Amino acid sequence: SAYNFEINFLGFPPPPSDGSSGGDDKYDIYIRNLSGVYGQTWYENSVGSTNWTSYIEMDNDFGTGFYTHGIEAACVTVAHEFHHSIQLGSYAQFNNNSNPIRTSDLFFYELTSTAFEEFVFDNVNDYYAYMPTYFNNPAQSFSQYAGYDLAIWNIFLQINFGFDIIKRQWEQMPNRYALESIALSLRDSSTLGNELNKFGIWTYFTNSRAITGRYFEEANNYPLITPTPTTGVSFIPPSDTYNMSIAPVANYFLKV
């Protein structure tokens, strides 16, 4: 199902074959006891300027310590890890034969793969487990998060622009940093600044503030955003001021 959706339906290129490694030329997935880890994708060999072979390991039972269990956990794990294999297979750092992954952009690799859990298996909501990290502290730059907690950014973009925008981002990734890739993917219809502003509004209207038919479809299940500061100042322009320091590519919620 994950392969059919990500490759056949969305049109991402399949990961390159590893030849006879692992026993045959099919993509290799190993079922192992990973002790609290859902799954992981390992890169192997460079086979082109932006192409690496890889394989997936996934847990064998998803028992104690997991937010989601059983076959539902297996579903989202495959959706997540298989997109990592696509990222490595066609969108690795250009002509870097030692490491296909741009370490500073790790948040974007995980952001994308976690969003694909929701795209492929909408009825499984394992990504809920990571959301409080963002909602409790939204004022960090995107790149400071682990990425799992920012899956709703790609969900937001997909709702507003369709799946092609995610493909356009990854087509830029071999030669550009993630935030530049996002900005370039939006340039024909909007700007990163405008969409980040709208995203802030969408993330405000969640939980008890959710509005049926507007913003995120599953907003009533999301946490409430935590204001960055809370001030008791009554602003009477022009004499009262509030000084703030805002990180780049972040939303700053000021409660007055």
C-alpha atoms as a PDB file:
ATOM      1  CA  SER A   1       0.000   0.000   0.000  1.00  0.00           C
ATOM      2  CA  ALA A   2       2.807   2.442   0.872  1.00  0.00           C
ATOM      3  CA  TYR A   3       4.652   1.654  -2.362  1.00  0.00           C
ATOM      4  CA  ASN A   4       1.475   1.983  -4.419  1.00  0.00           C
ATOM      5  CA  PHE A   5       0.629   5.368  -2.911  1.00  0.00           C
ATOM      6  CA  GLU A   6       4.075   6.948  -2.850  1.00  0.00           C
ATOM      7  CA  ILE A   7       5.386   5.565  -6.163  1.00  0.00           C
ATOM      8  CA  ASN A   8       2.449   4.677  -8.395  1.00  0.00           C
ATOM      9  CA  PHE A   9      -0.061   7.314  -7.268  1.00  0.00           C
ATOM     10  CA  LEU A  10       2.166  10.286  -6.390  1.00  0.00           C
ATOM     11  CA  GLY A  11       4.886   9.521  -8.920  1.00  0.00           C
ATOM     12  CA  PHE A  12       7.968   9.530  -6.683  1.00  0.00           C
ATOM     13  CA  PRO A  13      10.793   7.463  -8.227  1.00  0.00           C
ATOM     14  CA  PRO A  14      11.295   4.031  -6.636  1.00  0.00           C
ATOM     15  CA  PRO A  15      14.488   3.448  -4.640  1.00  0.00           C
ATOM     16  CA  PRO A  16      17.270   1.968  -6.773  1.00  0.00           C
ATOM     17  CA  SER A  17      17.895  -1.767  -6.705  1.00  0.00           C
ATOM     18  CA  ASP A  18      20.760  -3.102  -4.607  1.00  0.00           C
ATOM     19  CA  GLY A  19      21.343  -5.955  -7.054  1.00  0.00           C
ATOM     20  CA  SER A  20      21.597  -9.316  -5.328  1.00  0.00           C
ATOM     21  CA  SER A  21      22.368  -7.914  -1.862  1.00  0.00           C
ATOM     22  CA  GLY A  22      19.953  -9.345   0.671  1.00  0.00           C
ATOM     23  CA  GLY A  23      19.222 -12.351  -1.538  1.00  0.00           C
ATOM     24  CA  ASP A  24      17.573 -10.763  -4.592  1.00  0.00           C
ATOM     25  CA  ASP A  25      16.998  -7.437  -6.354  1.00  0.00           C
ATOM     26  CA  LYS A  26      13.822  -6.561  -4.417  1.00  0.00           C
ATOM     27  CA  TYR A  27      13.823  -3.791  -1.812  1.00  0.00           C
ATOM     28  CA  ASP A  28      14.970  -5.228   1.522  1.00  0.00           C
ATOM     29  CA  ILE A  29      12.931  -4.909   4.730  1.00  0.00           C
ATOM     30  CA  TYR A  30      14.088  -6.709   7.865  1.00  0.00           C
ATOM     31  CA  ILE A  31      11.810  -7.500  10.814  1.00  0.00           C
ATOM     32  CA  ARG A  32      13.762  -7.278  14.069  1.00  0.00           C
ATOM     33  CA  ASN A  33      13.347  -6.549  17.754  1.00  0.00           C
ATOM     34  CA  LEU A  34      14.359  -2.888  17.804  1.00  0.00           C
ATOM     35  CA  SER A  35      13.599  -2.261  21.498  1.00  0.00           C
ATOM     36  CA  GLY A  36      11.330   0.789  21.399  1.00  0.00           C
ATOM     37  CA  VAL A  37      12.155   2.015  17.886  1.00  0.00           C
ATOM     38  CA  TYR A  38       9.413   1.741  15.256  1.00  0.00           C
ATOM     39  CA  GLY A  39      11.817   1.452  12.353  1.00  0.00           C
ATOM     40  CA  GLN A  40      14.929   2.843  10.706  1.00  0.00           C
ATOM     41  CA  THR A  41      16.281   3.221   7.203  1.00  0.00           C
ATOM     42  CA  TRP A  42      19.963   2.673   6.474  1.00  0.00           C
ATOM     43  CA  TYR A  43      21.795   3.907   3.411  1.00  0.00           C
ATOM     44  CA  GLU A  44      24.223   1.559   1.670  1.00  0.00           C
ATOM     45  CA  ASN A  45      25.971   2.532  -1.554  1.00  0.00           C
ATOM     46  CA  SER A  46      26.080   5.503  -3.892  1.00  0.00           C
ATOM     47  CA  VAL A  47      24.879   4.461  -7.363  1.00  0.00           C
ATOM     48  CA  GLY A  48      24.536   7.912  -8.952  1.00  0.00           C
ATOM     49  CA  SER A  49      25.053  11.609  -8.323  1.00  0.00           C
ATOM     50  CA  THR A  50      21.936  11.785  -6.099  1.00  0.00           C
ATOM     51  CA  ASN A  51      21.099   8.079  -5.734  1.00  0.00           C
ATOM     52  CA  TRP A  52      21.810   5.673  -2.888  1.00  0.00           C
ATOM     53  CA  THR A  53      20.635   2.162  -2.160  1.00  0.00           C
ATOM     54  CA  SER A  54      19.153   1.488   1.259  1.00  0.00           C
ATOM     55  CA  TYR A  55      17.234  -1.000   3.397  1.00  0.00           C
ATOM     56  CA  ILE A  56      14.638  -0.774   6.169  1.00  0.00           C
ATOM     57  CA  GLU A  57      14.488  -2.362   9.593  1.00  0.00           C
ATOM     58  CA  MET A  58      11.187  -2.410  11.486  1.00  0.00           C
ATOM     59  CA  ASP A  59      10.175  -3.679  14.908  1.00  0.00           C
ATOM     60  CA  ASN A  60       8.678  -7.134  15.237  1.00  0.00           C
ATOM     61  CA  ASP A  61       5.810  -6.489  17.674  1.00  0.00           C
ATOM     62  CA  PHE A  62       5.336  -2.765  18.545  1.00  0.00           C
ATOM     63  CA  GLY A  63       4.590  -3.699  22.139  1.00  0.00           C
ATOM     64  CA  THR A  64       5.312  -1.825  25.356  1.00  0.00           C
ATOM     65  CA  GLY A  65       6.469   1.773  24.974  1.00  0.00           C
ATOM     66  CA  PHE A  66       4.838   2.500  21.617  1.00  0.00           C
ATOM     67  CA  TYR A  67       2.080   5.069  21.106  1.00  0.00           C
ATOM     68  CA  THR A  68       0.545   2.896  18.359  1.00  0.00           C
ATOM     69  CA  HIS A  69       0.554  -0.900  18.430  1.00  0.00           C
ATOM     70  CA  GLY A  70       0.139  -3.931  16.191  1.00  0.00           C
ATOM     71  CA  ILE A  71      -0.635  -3.778  12.495  1.00  0.00           C
ATOM     72  CA  GLU A  72      -1.474  -0.060  12.649  1.00  0.00           C
ATOM     73  CA  ALA A  73       2.024   0.646  13.944  1.00  0.00           C
ATOM     74  CA  ALA A  74       3.471  -1.515  11.167  1.00  0.00           C
ATOM     75  CA  CYS A  75       1.460   0.465   8.580  1.00  0.00           C
ATOM     76  CA  VAL A  76       2.732   3.898   9.597  1.00  0.00           C
ATOM     77  CA  THR A  77       6.265   2.579  10.060  1.00  0.00           C
ATOM     78  CA  VAL A  78       6.409   1.352   6.474  1.00  0.00           C
ATOM     79  CA  ALA A  79       4.846   4.573   5.128  1.00  0.00           C
ATOM     80  CA  HIS A  80       7.412   6.611   7.093  1.00  0.00           C
ATOM     81  CA  GLU A  81      10.531   4.560   6.410  1.00  0.00           C
ATOM     82  CA  PHE A  82       9.735   3.893   2.766  1.00  0.00           C
ATOM     83  CA  HIS A  83       9.724   7.604   2.055  1.00  0.00           C
ATOM     84  CA  HIS A  84      13.177   7.769   3.637  1.00  0.00           C
ATOM     85  CA  SER A  85      14.242   5.191   1.043  1.00  0.00           C
ATOM     86  CA  ILE A  86      12.822   7.484  -1.679  1.00  0.00           C
ATOM     87  CA  GLN A  87      14.699  10.465  -0.196  1.00  0.00           C
ATOM     88  CA  LEU A  88      17.950   8.486  -0.249  1.00  0.00           C
ATOM     89  CA  GLY A  89      17.208   6.861  -3.582  1.00  0.00           C
ATOM     90  CA  SER A  90      16.772  10.004  -5.680  1.00  0.00           C
ATOM     91  CA  TYR A  91      17.294  13.151  -3.582  1.00  0.00           C
ATOM     92  CA  ALA A  92      20.609  12.641  -1.797  1.00  0.00           C
ATOM     93  CA  GLN A  93      23.205  15.391  -1.557  1.00  0.00           C
ATOM     94  CA  PHE A  94      24.607  15.982  -5.031  1.00  0.00           C
ATOM     95  CA  ASN A  95      27.877  14.129  -5.656  1.00  0.00           C
ATOM     96  CA  ASN A  96      28.584  13.487  -1.968  1.00  0.00           C
ATOM     97  CA  ASN A  97      29.929   9.949  -1.930  1.00  0.00           C
ATOM     98  CA  SER A  98      30.415   9.797   1.836  1.00  0.00           C
ATOM     99  CA  ASN A  99      26.989  10.839   3.147  1.00  0.00           C
ATOM    100  CA  PRO A 100      23.687  11.232   1.272  1.00  0.00           C
ATOM    101  CA  ILE A 101      22.043  13.134   4.140  1.00  0.00           C
ATOM    102  CA  ARG A 102      22.481  16.846   4.857  1.00  0.00           C
ATOM    103  CA  THR A 103      22.730  16.762   8.656  1.00  0.00           C
ATOM    104  CA  SER A 104      21.448  20.312   9.147  1.00  0.00           C
ATOM    105  CA  ASP A 105      18.235  19.315   7.366  1.00  0.00           C
ATOM    106  CA  LEU A 106      17.431  16.220   9.413  1.00  0.00           C
ATOM    107  CA  PHE A 107      14.234  17.924  10.591  1.00  0.00           C
ATOM    108  CA  PHE A 108      12.972  18.022   6.999  1.00  0.00           C
ATOM    109  CA  TYR A 109      13.651  14.345   6.330  1.00  0.00           C
ATOM    110  CA  GLU A 110      11.630  13.399   9.416  1.00  0.00           C
ATOM    111  CA  LEU A 111       8.966  16.059   8.856  1.00  0.00           C
ATOM    112  CA  THR A 112       8.264  14.628   5.407  1.00  0.00           C
ATOM    113  CA  SER A 113       8.266  10.966   6.408  1.00  0.00           C
ATOM    114  CA  THR A 114       6.020  11.562   9.424  1.00  0.00           C
ATOM    115  CA  ALA A 115       3.542  13.439   7.238  1.00  0.00           C
ATOM    116  CA  PHE A 116       3.483  10.458   4.883  1.00  0.00           C
ATOM    117  CA  GLU A 117       2.223   8.299   7.725  1.00  0.00           C
ATOM    118  CA  GLU A 118      -0.931  10.428   7.630  1.00  0.00           C
ATOM    119  CA  PHE A 119      -1.074  10.659   3.849  1.00  0.00           C
ATOM    120  CA  VAL A 120      -0.882   6.895   3.312  1.00  0.00           C
ATOM    121  CA  PHE A 121      -2.840   5.725   6.376  1.00  0.00           C
ATOM    122  CA  ASP A 122      -5.173   8.551   7.355  1.00  0.00           C
ATOM    123  CA  ASN A 123      -7.007   6.384   9.902  1.00  0.00           C
ATOM    124  CA  VAL A 124      -3.835   5.820  11.963  1.00  0.00           C
ATOM    125  CA  ASN A 125      -2.710   8.889  13.903  1.00  0.00           C
ATOM    126  CA  ASP A 126       0.609   8.031  15.443  1.00  0.00           C
ATOM    127  CA  TYR A 127       1.872  11.530  14.617  1.00  0.00           C
ATOM    128  CA  TYR A 128      -0.330  12.876  17.433  1.00  0.00           C
ATOM    129  CA  ALA A 129       2.296  11.595  19.881  1.00  0.00           C
ATOM    130  CA  TYR A 130       4.909  14.075  18.642  1.00  0.00           C
ATOM    131  CA  MET A 131       2.750  17.183  18.310  1.00  0.00           C
ATOM    132  CA  PRO A 132       3.042  18.567  21.882  1.00  0.00           C
ATOM    133  CA  THR A 133       6.740  19.285  21.324  1.00  0.00           C
ATOM    134  CA  TYR A 134       5.823  21.891  18.720  1.00  0.00           C
ATOM    135  CA  PHE A 135       2.600  23.165  20.250  1.00  0.00           C
ATOM    136  CA  ASN A 136       4.264  23.712  23.636  1.00  0.00           C
ATOM    137  CA  ASN A 137       7.127  25.710  22.136  1.00  0.00           C
ATOM    138  CA  PRO A 138       6.296  27.125  18.694  1.00  0.00           C
ATOM    139  CA  ALA A 139       8.834  29.976  18.766  1.00  0.00           C
ATOM    140  CA  GLN A 140      11.855  27.916  17.675  1.00  0.00           C
ATOM    141  CA  SER A 141      13.116  27.961  14.116  1.00  0.00           C
ATOM    142  CA  PHE A 142      11.822  25.004  12.119  1.00  0.00           C
ATOM    143  CA  SER A 143      15.325  23.568  11.854  1.00  0.00           C
ATOM    144  CA  GLN A 144      15.610  23.327  15.647  1.00  0.00           C
ATOM    145  CA  TYR A 145      12.885  20.681  15.879  1.00  0.00           C
ATOM    146  CA  ALA A 146      13.404  16.970  15.382  1.00  0.00           C
ATOM    147  CA  GLY A 147      10.882  17.100  12.534  1.00  0.00           C
ATOM    148  CA  TYR A 148       8.446  14.419  13.722  1.00  0.00           C
ATOM    149  CA  ASP A 149       6.635  17.193  15.598  1.00  0.00           C
ATOM    150  CA  LEU A 150       6.277  19.299  12.418  1.00  0.00           C
ATOM    151  CA  ALA A 151       4.402  16.801  10.245  1.00  0.00           C
ATOM    152  CA  ILE A 152       1.421  19.169  10.265  1.00  0.00           C
ATOM    153  CA  TRP A 153       3.454  21.688   8.232  1.00  0.00           C
ATOM    154  CA  ASN A 154       3.416  19.333   5.236  1.00  0.00           C
ATOM    155  CA  ILE A 155      -0.203  18.417   5.980  1.00  0.00           C
ATOM    156  CA  PHE A 156      -0.964  22.147   5.858  1.00  0.00           C
ATOM    157  CA  LEU A 157       0.882  22.562   2.541  1.00  0.00           C
ATOM    158  CA  GLN A 158      -0.778  19.506   1.018  1.00  0.00           C
ATOM    159  CA  ILE A 159      -4.265  20.757   1.909  1.00  0.00           C
ATOM    160  CA  ASN A 160      -3.566  24.150   0.347  1.00  0.00           C
ATOM    161  CA  PHE A 161      -1.380  23.234  -2.627  1.00  0.00           C
ATOM    162  CA  GLY A 162      -1.675  19.481  -3.243  1.00  0.00           C
ATOM    163  CA  PHE A 163       0.979  16.779  -3.195  1.00  0.00           C
ATOM    164  CA  ASP A 164       3.027  18.232  -6.045  1.00  0.00           C
ATOM    165  CA  ILE A 165       4.429  20.909  -3.771  1.00  0.00           C
ATOM    166  CA  ILE A 166       6.117  18.244  -1.658  1.00  0.00           C
ATOM    167  CA  LYS A 167       7.646  16.685  -4.759  1.00  0.00           C
ATOM    168  CA  ARG A 168       8.912  20.106  -5.884  1.00  0.00           C
ATOM    169  CA  GLN A 169      10.626  20.571  -2.543  1.00  0.00           C
ATOM    170  CA  TRP A 170      12.464  17.272  -2.824  1.00  0.00           C
ATOM    171  CA  GLU A 171      13.502  17.953  -6.385  1.00  0.00           C
ATOM    172  CA  GLN A 172      15.422  20.967  -5.030  1.00  0.00           C
ATOM    173  CA  MET A 173      16.964  19.100  -2.075  1.00  0.00           C
ATOM    174  CA  PRO A 174      20.069  17.587  -3.726  1.00  0.00           C
ATOM    175  CA  ASN A 175      21.527  21.070  -4.275  1.00  0.00           C
ATOM    176  CA  ARG A 176      19.768  23.292  -1.734  1.00  0.00           C
ATOM    177  CA  TYR A 177      19.007  23.458   1.957  1.00  0.00           C
ATOM    178  CA  ALA A 178      15.518  22.460   3.062  1.00  0.00           C
ATOM    179  CA  LEU A 179      14.185  25.921   3.910  1.00  0.00           C
ATOM    180  CA  GLU A 180      15.353  27.269   0.560  1.00  0.00           C
ATOM    181  CA  SER A 181      13.749  24.267  -1.142  1.00  0.00           C
ATOM    182  CA  ILE A 182      10.442  24.988   0.610  1.00  0.00           C
ATOM    183  CA  ALA A 183      10.613  28.668  -0.353  1.00  0.00           C
ATOM    184  CA  LEU A 184      11.343  27.840  -3.995  1.00  0.00           C
ATOM    185  CA  SER A 185       8.461  25.359  -4.152  1.00  0.00           C
ATOM    186  CA  LEU A 186       6.070  28.168  -3.143  1.00  0.00           C
ATOM    187  CA  ARG A 187       7.372  30.950  -5.357  1.00  0.00           C
ATOM    188  CA  ASP A 188       4.816  30.513  -8.174  1.00  0.00           C
ATOM    189  CA  SER A 189       1.785  30.864  -5.902  1.00  0.00           C
ATOM    190  CA  SER A 190       2.846  32.394  -2.566  1.00  0.00           C
ATOM    191  CA  THR A 191       5.856  32.941  -0.304  1.00  0.00           C
ATOM    192  CA  LEU A 192       7.271  31.038   2.647  1.00  0.00           C
ATOM    193  CA  GLY A 193       6.568  34.046   4.867  1.00  0.00           C
ATOM    194  CA  ASN A 194       2.907  34.245   3.873  1.00  0.00           C
ATOM    195  CA  GLU A 195       2.350  30.520   4.353  1.00  0.00           C
ATOM    196  CA  LEU A 196       4.138  30.470   7.710  1.00  0.00           C
ATOM    197  CA  ASN A 197       1.815  33.267   8.815  1.00  0.00           C
ATOM    198  CA  LYS A 198      -1.259  31.282   7.718  1.00  0.00           C
ATOM    199  CA  PHE A 199       0.157  28.174   9.382  1.00  0.00           C
ATOM    200  CA  GLY A 200       0.286  30.110  12.645  1.00  0.00           C
ATOM    201  CA  ILE A 201      -3.411  30.906  12.335  1.00  0.00           C
ATOM    202  CA  TRP A 202      -4.245  27.277  11.523  1.00  0.00           C
ATOM    203  CA  THR A 203      -2.302  25.990  14.528  1.00  0.00           C
ATOM    204  CA  TYR A 204      -4.120  28.444  16.796  1.00  0.00           C
ATOM    205  CA  PHE A 205      -7.549  27.034  15.928  1.00  0.00           C
ATOM    206  CA  THR A 206      -7.162  23.555  17.403  1.00  0.00           C
ATOM    207  CA  ASN A 207      -8.599  21.532  20.280  1.00  0.00           C
ATOM    208  CA  SER A 208     -11.257  23.638  22.090  1.00  0.00           C
ATOM    209  CA  ARG A 209     -10.767  26.416  19.499  1.00  0.00           C
ATOM    210  CA  ALA A 210     -11.281  24.116  16.488  1.00  0.00           C
ATOM    211  CA  ILE A 211     -13.839  25.337  13.943  1.00  0.00           C
ATOM    212  CA  THR A 212     -15.722  22.630  12.048  1.00  0.00           C
ATOM    213  CA  GLY A 213     -15.052  22.815   8.324  1.00  0.00           C
ATOM    214  CA  ARG A 214     -12.083  25.162   8.613  1.00  0.00           C
ATOM    215  CA  TYR A 215      -8.338  24.687   9.023  1.00  0.00           C
ATOM    216  CA  PHE A 216      -7.082  21.188   9.938  1.00  0.00           C
ATOM    217  CA  GLU A 217      -9.588  18.368   9.494  1.00  0.00           C
ATOM    218  CA  GLU A 218      -8.398  16.682  12.704  1.00  0.00           C
ATOM    219  CA  ALA A 219      -7.830  19.943  14.606  1.00  0.00           C
ATOM    220  CA  ASN A 220     -10.037  18.968  17.543  1.00  0.00           C
ATOM    221  CA  ASN A 221      -7.543  16.168  18.321  1.00  0.00           C
ATOM    222  CA  TYR A 222      -4.504  18.468  18.284  1.00  0.00           C
ATOM    223  CA  PRO A 223      -3.059  20.211  21.362  1.00  0.00           C
ATOM    224  CA  LEU A 224      -3.592  23.894  22.084  1.00  0.00           C
ATOM    225  CA  ILE A 225      -0.763  26.215  21.118  1.00  0.00           C
ATOM    226  CA  THR A 226       1.152  27.620  24.093  1.00  0.00           C
ATOM    227  CA  PRO A 227       1.783  31.386  23.813  1.00  0.00           C
ATOM    228  CA  THR A 228       5.473  32.196  23.772  1.00  0.00           C
ATOM    229  CA  PRO A 229       5.178  34.838  26.510  1.00  0.00           C
ATOM    230  CA  THR A 230       2.197  36.113  28.440  1.00  0.00           C
ATOM    231  CA  THR A 231       2.229  39.753  29.444  1.00  0.00           C
ATOM    232  CA  GLY A 232      -0.052  41.712  31.746  1.00  0.00           C
ATOM    233  CA  VAL A 233       0.770  45.000  30.071  1.00  0.00           C
ATOM    234  CA  SER A 234      -2.207  46.990  28.815  1.00  0.00           C
ATOM    235  CA  PHE A 235      -0.951  48.483  25.587  1.00  0.00           C
ATOM    236  CA  ILE A 236      -1.788  52.173  25.247  1.00  0.00           C
ATOM    237  CA  PRO A 237      -0.012  53.415  22.131  1.00  0.00           C
ATOM    238  CA  PRO A 238       2.390  54.997  21.779  1.00  0.00           C
ATOM    239  CA  SER A 239       3.763  54.923  25.318  1.00  0.00           C
ATOM    240  CA  ASP A 240       3.649  51.176  26.092  1.00  0.00           C
ATOM    241  CA  THR A 241       5.953  48.801  24.269  1.00  0.00           C
ATOM    242  CA  TYR A 242       6.845  45.122  24.419  1.00  0.00           C
ATOM    243  CA  ASN A 243      10.250  43.999  23.198  1.00  0.00           C
ATOM    244  CA  MET A 244      10.582  40.538  21.702  1.00  0.00           C
ATOM    245  CA  SER A 245      13.233  38.495  19.941  1.00  0.00           C
ATOM    246  CA  ILE A 246      11.840  36.267  17.201  1.00  0.00           C
ATOM    247  CA  ALA A 247      13.719  33.358  15.659  1.00  0.00           C
ATOM    248  CA  PRO A 248      13.811  33.031  11.859  1.00  0.00           C
ATOM    249  CA  VAL A 249      11.193  30.772  10.273  1.00  0.00           C
ATOM    250  CA  ALA A 250       9.125  30.586  13.445  1.00  0.00           C
ATOM    251  CA  ASN A 251       5.761  31.751  14.724  1.00  0.00           C
ATOM    252  CA  TYR A 252       5.656  33.904  17.831  1.00  0.00           C
ATOM    253  CA  PHE A 253       2.374  33.857  19.770  1.00  0.00           C
ATOM    254  CA  LEU A 254       2.038  36.799  22.152  1.00  0.00           C
ATOM    255  CA  LYS A 255      -0.867  36.650  24.608  1.00  0.00           C
ATOM    256  CA  VAL A 256      -1.892  40.030  25.961  1.00  0.00           C
END
